[in-house]
Structures are given as structure tokens and as C-alpha cells.
Protein backbone atom coordinates (compact mmCIF):
# COMPACT_ATOMS: atom_id res chain seq x y z
CA MET A 1 133.09 -31.93 119.86
CA LYS A 2 131.41 -31.63 116.33
CA THR A 3 128.55 -33.20 118.02
CA ARG A 4 128.15 -30.74 120.98
CA ALA A 5 128.78 -28.04 118.56
CA PHE A 6 126.06 -29.29 116.43
CA ILE A 7 123.59 -29.25 119.15
CA LYS A 8 124.54 -25.89 120.22
CA THR A 9 123.63 -24.80 116.64
CA VAL A 10 120.47 -26.67 116.69
CA GLU A 11 119.62 -24.93 120.13
CA LEU A 12 119.96 -21.27 118.84
CA CYS A 13 118.42 -22.19 116.03
CA PHE A 14 115.23 -23.38 117.63
CA ALA A 15 115.34 -20.14 119.95
CA VAL A 16 115.65 -18.04 117.08
CA VAL A 17 112.55 -19.52 115.65
CA VAL A 18 110.95 -19.44 118.70
CA PHE A 19 111.84 -15.86 119.73
CA PHE A 20 110.40 -14.64 115.79
CA PHE A 21 107.39 -16.97 116.47
CA LEU A 22 106.47 -15.30 119.59
CA ASN A 23 106.83 -11.69 119.00
CA ALA A 24 105.65 -12.31 115.32
CA GLY A 25 102.87 -10.21 116.53
CA ALA A 26 104.77 -7.27 117.03
CA PHE A 27 106.83 -7.14 113.82
CA ALA A 28 103.46 -7.07 111.96
CA GLY A 29 102.52 -4.22 114.08
CA SER A 30 99.52 -4.31 116.29
CA PRO A 31 95.77 -4.03 114.87
CA PRO A 32 94.83 -0.40 114.47
CA ALA A 33 92.59 1.27 117.00
CA GLN A 34 88.64 1.29 116.20
CA GLU A 35 87.62 4.61 115.65
CA VAL A 36 84.43 6.08 117.15
CA THR A 37 82.96 9.49 117.92
CA TYR A 38 81.42 10.54 121.22
CA ARG A 39 79.05 13.66 121.32
CA LEU A 40 78.43 15.48 124.59
CA LYS A 41 75.46 17.36 125.29
CA TRP A 42 77.34 20.52 126.42
CA LEU A 43 80.72 22.15 126.42
CA LEU A 44 83.87 20.60 128.20
CA ASN A 45 83.66 21.52 131.67
CA ILE A 46 83.45 19.97 135.39
CA SER A 47 79.96 17.99 134.03
CA VAL A 48 82.24 15.95 131.75
CA VAL A 49 85.27 15.31 133.62
CA GLY A 50 85.22 11.36 133.20
CA ASP A 51 84.70 11.41 129.62
CA LEU A 52 87.89 13.85 129.47
CA TRP A 53 89.53 11.17 131.65
CA ALA A 54 88.83 8.40 129.96
CA ASP A 55 90.64 10.00 126.62
CA VAL A 56 93.49 11.67 128.46
CA ASN A 57 94.33 8.57 130.66
CA GLY A 58 94.11 5.88 127.96
CA ASN A 59 91.11 4.24 129.38
CA PHE A 60 90.04 4.12 125.64
CA ALA A 61 93.28 2.80 124.23
CA ARG A 62 93.60 0.22 126.47
CA ARG A 63 90.45 -1.14 125.30
CA GLY A 64 91.73 -0.96 121.16
CA LEU A 65 89.48 2.36 121.00
CA LYS A 66 90.39 5.55 119.32
CA VAL A 67 87.80 8.09 120.49
CA THR A 68 86.79 11.66 119.16
CA ILE A 69 85.56 13.54 121.99
CA LYS A 70 83.11 16.32 120.24
CA PRO A 71 81.58 19.38 122.68
CA GLY A 72 78.07 19.73 122.46
CA GLY A 73 76.05 22.90 122.55
CA PRO A 74 72.55 24.49 121.81
CA GLU A 75 73.04 23.72 118.11
CA ARG A 76 74.04 20.34 118.44
CA ASP A 77 71.91 17.64 118.63
CA ALA A 78 73.75 13.85 119.83
CA ILE A 79 70.65 12.03 119.13
CA LYS A 80 69.97 13.01 115.37
CA GLU A 81 73.94 12.67 114.92
CA LEU A 82 73.32 8.97 116.10
CA GLU A 83 70.50 8.63 113.81
CA LEU A 84 72.71 9.94 110.90
CA GLY A 85 75.79 7.84 111.86
CA ARG A 86 77.77 10.67 112.62
CA SER A 87 78.47 9.94 115.99
CA GLN A 88 78.47 6.21 117.57
CA PHE A 89 77.79 7.35 121.20
CA GLY A 90 76.12 10.60 122.84
CA VAL A 91 74.77 12.23 125.87
CA ALA A 92 71.62 13.41 126.02
CA SER A 93 69.09 14.32 128.79
CA ALA A 94 66.31 12.24 129.73
CA ASP A 95 63.37 14.63 127.98
CA GLN A 96 65.63 14.57 124.72
CA VAL A 97 65.60 10.64 124.47
CA ILE A 98 61.95 10.46 125.36
CA ARG A 99 60.96 13.14 122.93
CA ALA A 100 63.19 11.62 120.10
CA ALA A 101 61.30 8.31 120.82
CA SER A 102 57.65 9.95 120.95
CA LYS A 103 59.08 10.61 116.99
CA GLY A 104 60.33 7.41 115.78
CA ALA A 105 63.89 7.53 116.45
CA HIS A 106 65.60 4.22 117.78
CA VAL A 107 67.79 5.20 120.77
CA VAL A 108 68.82 3.38 123.60
CA VAL A 109 70.30 4.19 127.15
CA LEU A 110 73.42 2.81 128.11
CA ALA A 111 74.17 4.34 131.56
CA GLN A 112 72.64 7.04 133.71
CA LEU A 113 75.46 10.15 134.61
CA PHE A 114 73.58 11.97 136.99
CA GLN A 115 72.00 10.29 139.76
CA VAL A 116 70.30 13.72 140.98
CA ASN A 117 69.64 16.41 138.72
CA PRO A 118 71.99 19.04 138.68
CA LEU A 119 69.15 21.85 137.97
CA GLN A 120 68.04 23.43 141.23
CA TRP A 121 67.24 26.97 142.41
CA ILE A 122 69.50 29.25 144.50
CA TYR A 123 67.93 31.41 146.68
CA ARG A 124 68.75 33.94 149.95
CA PRO A 125 67.30 32.12 153.04
CA ASP A 126 67.57 35.14 155.08
CA ARG A 127 65.27 37.03 152.80
CA THR A 128 63.29 34.28 151.23
CA PRO A 129 62.81 31.40 153.43
CA VAL A 130 62.08 28.08 152.17
CA LYS A 131 61.49 25.27 154.59
CA THR A 132 58.56 23.70 152.76
CA PRO A 133 57.12 23.62 149.25
CA GLN A 134 54.06 25.57 150.53
CA ASP A 135 56.70 28.51 151.16
CA LEU A 136 56.87 29.07 147.62
CA LYS A 137 53.72 30.85 147.48
CA GLY A 138 53.94 34.28 147.09
CA LYS A 139 57.56 34.25 145.53
CA THR A 140 59.23 35.02 142.31
CA ILE A 141 60.78 32.20 140.51
CA GLY A 142 62.91 32.07 137.56
CA ILE A 143 62.16 29.56 134.93
CA THR A 144 63.41 29.20 131.50
CA TYR A 145 60.06 28.71 129.64
CA GLY A 146 60.48 25.47 127.35
CA GLY A 147 63.53 24.15 129.46
CA ASN A 148 63.85 21.51 131.93
CA ASP A 149 63.35 23.64 134.71
CA GLU A 150 59.77 24.96 133.70
CA ALA A 151 58.99 21.23 133.33
CA ILE A 152 60.51 20.50 136.67
CA MET A 153 59.34 23.44 138.60
CA ARG A 154 55.51 22.76 137.07
CA ALA A 155 55.65 19.57 138.27
CA LEU A 156 57.00 20.47 141.80
CA LEU A 157 53.98 22.85 142.34
CA ALA A 158 51.62 20.18 141.04
CA LYS A 159 52.64 17.74 143.21
CA TYR A 160 52.14 20.32 146.53
CA HIS A 161 49.09 21.85 144.64
CA ILE A 162 50.13 25.19 144.55
CA ARG A 163 48.44 26.96 141.90
CA GLU A 164 50.39 29.05 139.01
CA ASN A 165 48.69 32.18 140.35
CA GLU A 166 49.52 31.40 143.80
CA VAL A 167 53.66 32.25 142.50
CA LYS A 168 55.20 34.65 139.81
CA LEU A 169 56.98 32.78 137.13
CA TYR A 170 59.71 35.08 135.73
CA SER A 171 61.43 34.25 132.26
CA VAL A 172 65.34 34.02 132.95
CA ARG A 173 68.05 34.71 130.67
CA TYR A 174 71.87 34.47 131.37
CA ASP A 175 72.12 37.49 132.96
CA TYR A 176 71.79 37.09 136.82
CA THR A 177 70.90 40.66 137.38
CA PRO A 178 67.09 40.37 138.40
CA PHE A 179 68.27 37.72 141.22
CA TYR A 180 71.30 39.70 142.30
CA GLN A 181 69.07 42.85 142.79
CA GLY A 182 66.38 40.74 144.51
CA LYS A 183 63.63 41.02 141.70
CA VAL A 184 63.41 37.17 141.55
CA ASP A 185 63.26 35.17 144.90
CA LEU A 186 64.69 32.03 143.35
CA TRP A 187 66.69 31.34 140.43
CA PRO A 188 67.29 28.52 138.33
CA LEU A 189 71.40 26.91 137.61
CA TYR A 190 73.42 23.93 137.79
CA ARG A 191 74.63 22.78 141.30
CA ASN A 192 77.87 21.85 140.15
CA ALA A 193 78.76 24.34 137.71
CA GLN A 194 77.36 27.79 138.44
CA ALA A 195 76.30 27.51 142.17
CA PRO A 196 80.34 27.70 142.94
CA ILE A 197 80.68 30.70 141.16
CA ILE A 198 77.46 32.65 142.07
CA GLY A 199 77.28 31.37 145.81
CA GLU A 200 80.94 32.82 145.91
CA LYS A 201 79.88 35.82 144.81
CA LEU A 202 77.12 36.19 147.02
CA ARG A 203 78.79 35.10 149.98
CA LYS A 204 81.59 37.82 149.41
CA ALA A 205 78.76 40.19 149.48
CA GLY A 206 78.00 38.72 153.07
CA GLU A 207 75.07 37.14 152.10
CA ARG A 208 74.01 33.40 152.73
CA VAL A 209 73.17 31.05 149.77
CA ALA A 210 70.95 27.87 149.94
CA PHE A 211 69.56 25.82 147.08
CA LEU A 212 65.65 24.35 146.35
CA ASN A 213 66.55 20.95 145.47
CA PRO A 214 63.32 19.16 143.48
CA PHE A 215 64.71 15.77 144.07
CA ARG A 216 64.76 15.89 147.85
CA LEU A 217 61.01 16.91 147.26
CA GLY A 218 60.13 14.10 145.44
CA ILE A 219 60.74 15.25 141.80
CA GLN A 220 62.63 12.91 139.70
CA PHE A 221 63.51 14.05 136.36
CA VAL A 222 66.48 12.50 134.87
CA ALA A 223 69.42 14.51 133.27
CA ASN A 224 72.30 13.26 131.30
CA SER A 225 72.74 9.77 130.26
CA VAL A 226 74.94 7.88 127.67
CA VAL A 227 72.67 6.95 124.62
CA ALA A 228 73.76 4.85 121.35
CA SER A 229 71.95 3.95 118.63
CA LYS A 230 69.67 0.57 118.63
CA LYS A 231 71.19 -0.22 115.34
CA MET A 232 74.78 0.23 117.06
CA LEU A 233 74.29 -1.93 120.16
CA GLU A 234 72.69 -4.66 117.56
CA GLN A 235 75.17 -4.77 115.34
CA HIS A 236 78.15 -3.56 117.50
CA PRO A 237 77.89 -5.52 120.67
CA ARG A 238 81.11 -5.57 121.79
CA THR A 239 82.37 -2.19 120.50
CA VAL A 240 79.68 -0.79 122.89
CA LYS A 241 80.36 -3.16 125.68
CA ARG A 242 84.32 -2.05 125.71
CA PHE A 243 83.08 1.53 124.99
CA MET A 244 81.19 1.30 128.06
CA GLU A 245 83.81 -0.25 130.56
CA ALA A 246 86.18 2.33 129.55
CA LEU A 247 84.00 4.93 130.20
CA LEU A 248 82.69 3.82 133.49
CA GLU A 249 85.99 3.12 134.75
CA ALA A 250 87.28 6.46 133.83
CA TRP A 251 84.60 8.00 135.57
CA GLY A 252 84.85 5.83 138.79
CA GLU A 253 88.66 7.13 138.78
CA ALA A 254 87.92 10.68 137.96
CA LEU A 255 85.59 11.17 140.71
CA ASP A 256 87.69 9.12 143.47
CA PRO A 257 88.56 11.84 146.00
CA ALA A 258 92.34 10.27 145.78
CA ASN A 259 92.36 11.69 142.13
CA LYS A 260 91.11 15.04 142.99
CA GLN A 261 93.93 17.01 141.82
CA LYS A 262 94.48 14.92 138.33
CA ALA A 263 90.67 15.29 137.63
CA ILE A 264 91.05 19.12 138.48
CA ASP A 265 94.11 19.30 136.08
CA VAL A 266 92.14 17.19 133.47
CA VAL A 267 89.45 19.98 133.43
CA LEU A 268 91.61 22.62 133.15
CA LYS A 269 93.57 21.18 130.35
CA TYR A 270 90.34 21.98 128.23
CA ASN A 271 88.70 24.44 129.96
CA ARG A 272 91.08 27.63 130.86
CA GLU A 273 88.62 30.25 131.47
CA THR A 274 87.05 28.63 134.79
CA ALA A 275 89.70 29.78 137.64
CA VAL A 276 91.40 26.55 139.40
CA GLU A 277 89.52 27.36 142.73
CA ILE A 278 86.15 27.12 141.35
CA VAL A 279 86.84 24.02 139.69
CA ARG A 280 87.83 22.62 143.02
CA ARG A 281 84.69 23.20 144.57
CA GLN A 282 82.88 22.27 141.34
CA LEU A 283 84.24 19.04 141.46
CA PRO A 284 82.95 17.36 145.00
CA ALA A 285 79.34 18.98 143.85
CA THR A 286 79.48 16.72 140.61
CA ARG A 287 80.59 13.69 142.68
CA SER A 288 77.60 14.39 144.97
CA LEU A 289 75.05 14.17 142.29
CA MET A 290 76.77 11.28 140.14
CA LEU A 291 77.42 9.08 143.62
CA PRO A 292 74.80 10.32 146.13
CA THR A 293 76.08 7.73 148.23
CA ALA A 294 79.91 5.94 149.10
CA ASP A 295 79.05 2.77 148.01
CA PHE A 296 76.88 3.62 145.26
CA ARG A 297 77.35 1.72 141.48
CA PHE A 298 78.55 4.71 138.87
CA GLY A 299 76.29 4.59 135.86
CA LYS A 300 73.26 2.82 137.23
CA ILE A 301 70.07 3.59 135.16
CA ASP A 302 66.92 4.56 138.05
CA VAL A 303 64.13 3.25 136.02
CA ALA A 304 61.53 4.71 138.39
CA ALA A 305 62.94 8.12 137.77
CA TRP A 306 62.78 7.50 133.84
CA LYS A 307 59.35 6.22 134.37
CA GLN A 308 58.34 9.50 136.26
CA THR A 309 60.33 11.65 133.89
CA GLU A 310 57.94 10.54 131.23
CA GLN A 311 54.91 10.78 133.45
CA ILE A 312 55.84 14.61 133.86
CA MET A 313 56.13 14.97 130.14
CA LEU A 314 52.91 13.21 129.45
CA ALA A 315 51.00 15.42 132.07
CA GLN A 316 52.70 18.34 130.72
CA LYS A 317 51.81 17.74 127.11
CA MET A 318 55.56 17.88 126.11
CA ILE A 319 54.50 14.24 124.40
CA ALA A 320 51.51 13.08 122.93
CA LYS A 321 51.37 9.49 124.24
CA PRO A 322 53.24 7.12 126.02
CA VAL A 323 56.87 5.59 124.67
CA HIS A 324 57.21 2.89 127.61
CA VAL A 325 60.87 4.37 128.13
CA GLU A 326 61.90 1.08 130.21
CA THR A 327 61.85 -0.55 126.86
CA LEU A 328 64.82 1.77 125.87
CA LEU A 329 67.08 1.24 128.86
CA LYS A 330 69.70 -0.95 127.62
CA PRO A 331 72.84 -1.15 130.58
CA VAL A 332 75.51 -3.34 128.65
CA VAL A 333 77.99 -2.93 131.43
CA GLN A 334 76.04 -4.52 134.78
């Protein structure tokens, strides 16, 4: 009896030791999440739904990251913040990347968010039929002087041998009144952001709308992409990979039609100014710009489009010399 009791005591002690050994990490506490900052290019709206999804749904946290997402805006330069070490990751358009590289910035591109540039031109096909680029002749076209839309439109006109004196370029502001009044035939906007709003207003007024998409006419000018400093990639490759794995996973989930309502709720959590019915229209428009085909791999870098963007900037003297942009493209997640 004593022997049996002794054996049971030994077994109990052994079980206790094993329990504490296996759960030592839990008692000691998990290592703290690594903190990084992610500076967006613009405000918290439909164009960053995947970024917000990654935070809300724990994609970052599951990979041991605590990410502070900061909205962008005209006063925020993500690339400059990367260079100064204030942010570890950011979002920038291709022209920002190329301009920065031409000035000596050491920036790398980790993923391409938009496969089709959302900058397009809205017009009324009943008043202004545009079936071919040559139909632009004689039209009043809105552009933002110094903006991407100016570069894209000038590239389009040059490609189809339309001289500037054959069109009228109109300097636009945030006020759409000249377009509503018919003083401007084609007005630049973001296809996934303002287009559902402006288009709905015109449809309610009984007017049809259409969009001039430069991408379909052979003009590829890359929009937003995920960037980091070269130093960050070289010194912290594992952190970069974990961040990108989480981000691309989150974007895939946010753009999945099965998660439509969840994605809308995420946007509305951060943007209460846009009506839910508008966000409901913005989401599929965003999906089509980022996932042009059903089997497309989100985040893929279109090298040819980046090279064309650089060539457009060279032709328009936006940069003084080539930067060989293909050397800046560093996808860490294939």
C-alpha cells in the first residue's frame, strides 16, 4: 500500500512539473508586440479599407505587430517620414517614389495597391460623346495643374497626337460647379471615391454619366503603393515580411465579396461622413481597380507600368534624369 501511495505521489509531482514546464511561457507572459508606424497617403476612406481591416481584425496582432495607422493628407509626406525614421511603412504614389528617388531618397516599393489608376474623367455621353481619343478635340478638359491628372492627360494627348491647342485645359478646384453647369466637358475625379457621389447626383437629375479611363487607352501611371526605406528592408527583413504578409492577407479579406458588409462597417467606423449607401457603391469600384480579374494576386507589382510612369515623367520633365525605377521594386511576399 505504501509503495502504491509513493508511486502515485511521484506521478503527481511529475505531472505538476510537466504542467509548469509546458506553461512557463504563459506564466512569464508573452513577449510584447513590436511597434511600428504606418503612414497612409490620404484620409481614412474606402481607398484604405484593407489597411483598416488589418488593424480591426487582428491581422497585424497575429503576427506580433502593434501598428499605429496614421492618416495622410496634403501636409503629410510618407517618404520623408520613412527617411526621418518617424514611420517604418507608408503609402505613396509612383510619381512620389520616383521624384524622391531622383532627389536621393533611399525608398523601396513592397507592393502595388492599385493596378488601375483611380484617377479618371467623368463626362456626360449624351452631351459629350467620347468614343475615341480623337473625340477629345475641341473639348474643355479639367486638370489640376501640377497634379497627377495633368501628367496623365498630357501623356494621353501626346500618345494620340492631339496638340494642346486642339483642346482647352481648364484649371479645376474642389468645386464641381463648372462641370455641373456644363462649362467643363470632362472633370477629373477618383473612380472609387468621388465618382459614386457625383454620378448619383447626375443620375438623380436624369443625366447619364461615363468615364474616360486612361488605362484602357494605354496610359499606365501607377497610383498608391506600399513603401519602406531601404534601411528598414535591409536591417529588419523579418519585420517587413511579417508586416506585408499581414497587410496583403487583410486586403484580400476586405475585398472578398463574402466580407462585403464587414468591410463597409470597417470603413464607417473611421469615416462617419460618408453615407452607407455611397460606401456600398465605392467598395466594388475599389475592388475592380485593385483586382482587375478574379484570379489576380493582390499587391502584384506591374514593372512595365512603373517603367512607363518613369518615362512619362521624363518626357514631361518632371524629373531630370532616369532613376531606373525597376531597381526600387522589392516585393518581399510573392
